[in-house]
Amino acid sequence: MPTFFVPLIRPEDLPTGAITPVSTEGRTLLIANVDGQYYAFPPECPHEGADLSRGRLDGAAIRCPNHQYLFGFPDGNLIESDDDACPPLTMFQLEEHDGTISLRVDL
């Protein structure tokens, strides 16, 4: 199975504790830097579509700005909420490749 890497951002452009949007192939993703570990996920909360770029990192997790739901990294599982039926946050696989943080695509 071939593997491709889509360059997204240089590590020096995403300081520890930051979340930034990146666009590739017509889709926007958010990338978070948690102590040198990078996580990519959609900008919409799976609960009601809130803008997670306005959320905040809480340890190795992102807290939704609307209802304070907490989604953990690296799997996107719901850690805190008042709605057990809320689906997990979709996560995308990243790797440092050729000096950039890249989206890994396995075909």
C-alpha atoms as a PDB file:
ATOM      1  CA  MET A   1       0.000   0.000   0.000  1.00  0.00           C
ATOM      2  CA  PRO A   2       1.618   3.311  -1.055  1.00  0.00           C
ATOM      3  CA  THR A   3       2.026   6.127   1.475  1.00  0.00           C
ATOM      4  CA  PHE A   4       1.992   9.816   0.580  1.00  0.00           C
ATOM      5  CA  PHE A   5       2.820  12.839   2.715  1.00  0.00           C
ATOM      6  CA  VAL A   6       1.022  16.158   2.255  1.00  0.00           C
ATOM      7  CA  PRO A   7       3.121  18.993   3.766  1.00  0.00           C
ATOM      8  CA  LEU A   8       1.076  21.247   6.053  1.00  0.00           C
ATOM      9  CA  ILE A   9       3.286  23.441   8.257  1.00  0.00           C
ATOM     10  CA  ARG A  10       6.857  23.756   9.536  1.00  0.00           C
ATOM     11  CA  PRO A  11       7.331  22.844  13.206  1.00  0.00           C
ATOM     12  CA  GLU A  12       8.856  26.259  13.965  1.00  0.00           C
ATOM     13  CA  ASP A  13       5.616  27.914  12.795  1.00  0.00           C
ATOM     14  CA  LEU A  14       3.532  26.110  15.443  1.00  0.00           C
ATOM     15  CA  PRO A  15       4.776  26.762  18.992  1.00  0.00           C
ATOM     16  CA  THR A  16       3.952  24.488  21.901  1.00  0.00           C
ATOM     17  CA  GLY A  17       0.411  25.093  23.151  1.00  0.00           C
ATOM     18  CA  ALA A  18      -0.798  26.565  19.850  1.00  0.00           C
ATOM     19  CA  ILE A  19      -3.649  25.578  17.545  1.00  0.00           C
ATOM     20  CA  THR A  20      -3.595  26.766  13.938  1.00  0.00           C
ATOM     21  CA  PRO A  21      -5.747  26.175  10.861  1.00  0.00           C
ATOM     22  CA  VAL A  22      -4.178  24.773   7.689  1.00  0.00           C
ATOM     23  CA  SER A  23      -5.807  24.169   4.323  1.00  0.00           C
ATOM     24  CA  THR A  24      -5.003  21.379   1.919  1.00  0.00           C
ATOM     25  CA  GLU A  25      -6.857  19.793  -0.965  1.00  0.00           C
ATOM     26  CA  GLY A  26      -9.803  22.144  -0.370  1.00  0.00           C
ATOM     27  CA  ARG A  27     -10.222  21.110   3.264  1.00  0.00           C
ATOM     28  CA  THR A  28      -9.335  22.986   6.447  1.00  0.00           C
ATOM     29  CA  LEU A  29      -7.844  21.137   9.400  1.00  0.00           C
ATOM     30  CA  LEU A  30      -6.671  22.356  12.786  1.00  0.00           C
ATOM     31  CA  ILE A  31      -3.238  21.334  14.042  1.00  0.00           C
ATOM     32  CA  ALA A  32      -2.366  21.452  17.726  1.00  0.00           C
ATOM     33  CA  ASN A  33       1.112  21.272  19.245  1.00  0.00           C
ATOM     34  CA  VAL A  34       1.044  19.576  22.651  1.00  0.00           C
ATOM     35  CA  ASP A  35       4.609  19.460  23.986  1.00  0.00           C
ATOM     36  CA  GLY A  36       6.064  18.670  20.558  1.00  0.00           C
ATOM     37  CA  GLN A  37       3.367  16.150  19.611  1.00  0.00           C
ATOM     38  CA  TYR A  38       1.206  17.284  16.689  1.00  0.00           C
ATOM     39  CA  TYR A  39      -2.484  16.443  16.276  1.00  0.00           C
ATOM     40  CA  ALA A  40      -4.784  17.205  13.330  1.00  0.00           C
ATOM     41  CA  PHE A  41      -8.571  17.325  13.458  1.00  0.00           C
ATOM     42  CA  PRO A  42     -11.510  19.065  11.749  1.00  0.00           C
ATOM     43  CA  PRO A  43     -12.362  22.607  12.852  1.00  0.00           C
ATOM     44  CA  GLU A  44     -15.947  21.654  13.761  1.00  0.00           C
ATOM     45  CA  CYS A  45     -16.932  20.089  17.068  1.00  0.00           C
ATOM     46  CA  PRO A  46     -18.763  16.784  16.408  1.00  0.00           C
ATOM     47  CA  HIS A  47     -21.411  17.765  18.977  1.00  0.00           C
ATOM     48  CA  GLU A  48     -23.001  20.819  17.324  1.00  0.00           C
ATOM     49  CA  GLY A  49     -20.392  22.136  14.897  1.00  0.00           C
ATOM     50  CA  ALA A  50     -18.790  24.806  17.105  1.00  0.00           C
ATOM     51  CA  ASP A  51     -15.556  26.358  15.821  1.00  0.00           C
ATOM     52  CA  LEU A  52     -12.774  24.467  17.609  1.00  0.00           C
ATOM     53  CA  SER A  53     -10.217  27.072  16.532  1.00  0.00           C
ATOM     54  CA  ARG A  54     -11.787  29.147  19.341  1.00  0.00           C
ATOM     55  CA  GLY A  55     -11.342  26.226  21.729  1.00  0.00           C
ATOM     56  CA  ARG A  56      -8.416  25.794  24.081  1.00  0.00           C
ATOM     57  CA  LEU A  57      -5.919  23.091  24.769  1.00  0.00           C
ATOM     58  CA  ASP A  58      -6.345  21.428  28.147  1.00  0.00           C
ATOM     59  CA  GLY A  59      -3.384  19.101  28.611  1.00  0.00           C
ATOM     60  CA  ALA A  60      -3.472  16.555  25.787  1.00  0.00           C
ATOM     61  CA  ALA A  61      -7.026  17.497  24.795  1.00  0.00           C
ATOM     62  CA  ILE A  62      -9.092  20.238  23.128  1.00  0.00           C
ATOM     63  CA  ARG A  63     -12.002  21.885  24.935  1.00  0.00           C
ATOM     64  CA  CYS A  64     -14.941  23.040  22.816  1.00  0.00           C
ATOM     65  CA  PRO A  65     -15.711  26.747  23.341  1.00  0.00           C
ATOM     66  CA  ASN A  66     -19.506  26.299  23.311  1.00  0.00           C
ATOM     67  CA  HIS A  67     -20.380  23.466  25.677  1.00  0.00           C
ATOM     68  CA  GLN A  68     -16.950  22.764  27.212  1.00  0.00           C
ATOM     69  CA  TYR A  69     -16.822  19.213  25.847  1.00  0.00           C
ATOM     70  CA  LEU A  70     -13.295  17.816  26.128  1.00  0.00           C
ATOM     71  CA  PHE A  71     -11.839  15.596  23.381  1.00  0.00           C
ATOM     72  CA  GLY A  72      -8.593  13.737  24.082  1.00  0.00           C
ATOM     73  CA  PHE A  73      -5.558  13.232  21.901  1.00  0.00           C
ATOM     74  CA  PRO A  74      -4.444  11.104  20.132  1.00  0.00           C
ATOM     75  CA  ASP A  75      -7.752   9.265  19.592  1.00  0.00           C
ATOM     76  CA  GLY A  76     -10.333  12.089  19.761  1.00  0.00           C
ATOM     77  CA  ASN A  77     -12.394  10.292  22.395  1.00  0.00           C
ATOM     78  CA  LEU A  78     -14.785  12.305  24.507  1.00  0.00           C
ATOM     79  CA  ILE A  79     -13.331  12.796  28.003  1.00  0.00           C
ATOM     80  CA  GLU A  80     -15.834  15.243  29.561  1.00  0.00           C
ATOM     81  CA  SER A  81     -19.388  16.071  28.519  1.00  0.00           C
ATOM     82  CA  ASP A  82     -23.018  15.900  29.525  1.00  0.00           C
ATOM     83  CA  ASP A  83     -23.893  13.937  26.367  1.00  0.00           C
ATOM     84  CA  ASP A  84     -22.563  10.390  26.182  1.00  0.00           C
ATOM     85  CA  ALA A  85     -23.979  10.062  22.663  1.00  0.00           C
ATOM     86  CA  CYS A  86     -21.567  12.662  21.241  1.00  0.00           C
ATOM     87  CA  PRO A  87     -19.263  11.025  18.677  1.00  0.00           C
ATOM     88  CA  PRO A  88     -15.482  11.273  19.033  1.00  0.00           C
ATOM     89  CA  LEU A  89     -13.472  13.938  17.263  1.00  0.00           C
ATOM     90  CA  THR A  90     -12.067  12.661  13.960  1.00  0.00           C
ATOM     91  CA  MET A  91      -8.266  12.604  14.052  1.00  0.00           C
ATOM     92  CA  PHE A  92      -5.832  12.605  11.130  1.00  0.00           C
ATOM     93  CA  GLN A  93      -2.393  11.018  11.179  1.00  0.00           C
ATOM     94  CA  LEU A  94       0.567  13.410  11.077  1.00  0.00           C
ATOM     95  CA  GLU A  95       4.284  12.788  10.774  1.00  0.00           C
ATOM     96  CA  GLU A  96       7.334  14.994  10.527  1.00  0.00           C
ATOM     97  CA  HIS A  97       8.543  14.370   6.989  1.00  0.00           C
ATOM     98  CA  ASP A  98      11.250  16.287   5.128  1.00  0.00           C
ATOM     99  CA  GLY A  99      11.278  19.075   7.734  1.00  0.00           C
ATOM    100  CA  THR A 100       7.524  19.677   7.770  1.00  0.00           C
ATOM    101  CA  ILE A 101       4.547  18.424   9.701  1.00  0.00           C
ATOM    102  CA  SER A 102       2.758  16.392   7.054  1.00  0.00           C
ATOM    103  CA  LEU A 103      -0.541  14.616   6.714  1.00  0.00           C
ATOM    104  CA  ARG A 104       0.075  10.903   6.173  1.00  0.00           C
ATOM    105  CA  VAL A 105      -2.122   9.367   3.493  1.00  0.00           C
ATOM    106  CA  ASP A 106      -2.087   5.595   3.018  1.00  0.00           C
ATOM    107  CA  LEU A 107      -3.689   4.412  -0.206  1.00  0.00           C
END
